Amino acid sequence: MQITNFVLAGLLSIAFAVGMWLVLHPGLGGTWGPVLTAVFGAGLIVGGVFITDPSLGFHLELRRGPSATTAGTRRSTTSRPAFRLTQ
């Protein structure tokens, strides 16, 4: 369910960025606002597609060592810009 939420929120953010672009583009903030919103949406989609690795004691039966999976590494590196925008 969480994967669907991430992907849907990302698609809605990109649709919102397109709407912002169409309304605001010739004016002030018409470029960076939509671009940053679209980057946020793309990061949410990537965060939903790639599954994160268990960490910090979550899921005790799946606890692993320090090695990370390929999907977890991709999620960490590609969705980081989207989550940095919200801080």
Foldseek 3Di string as FASTA:
>chain_A
DQLVVLLVQLVVLLVVLVVLLVVDVVHPPNPVVSVLSNLLSVLSNLLSVQDAQDDPCPPVVRDDPPDGDPSNVSNCPRNVSNVVVVD
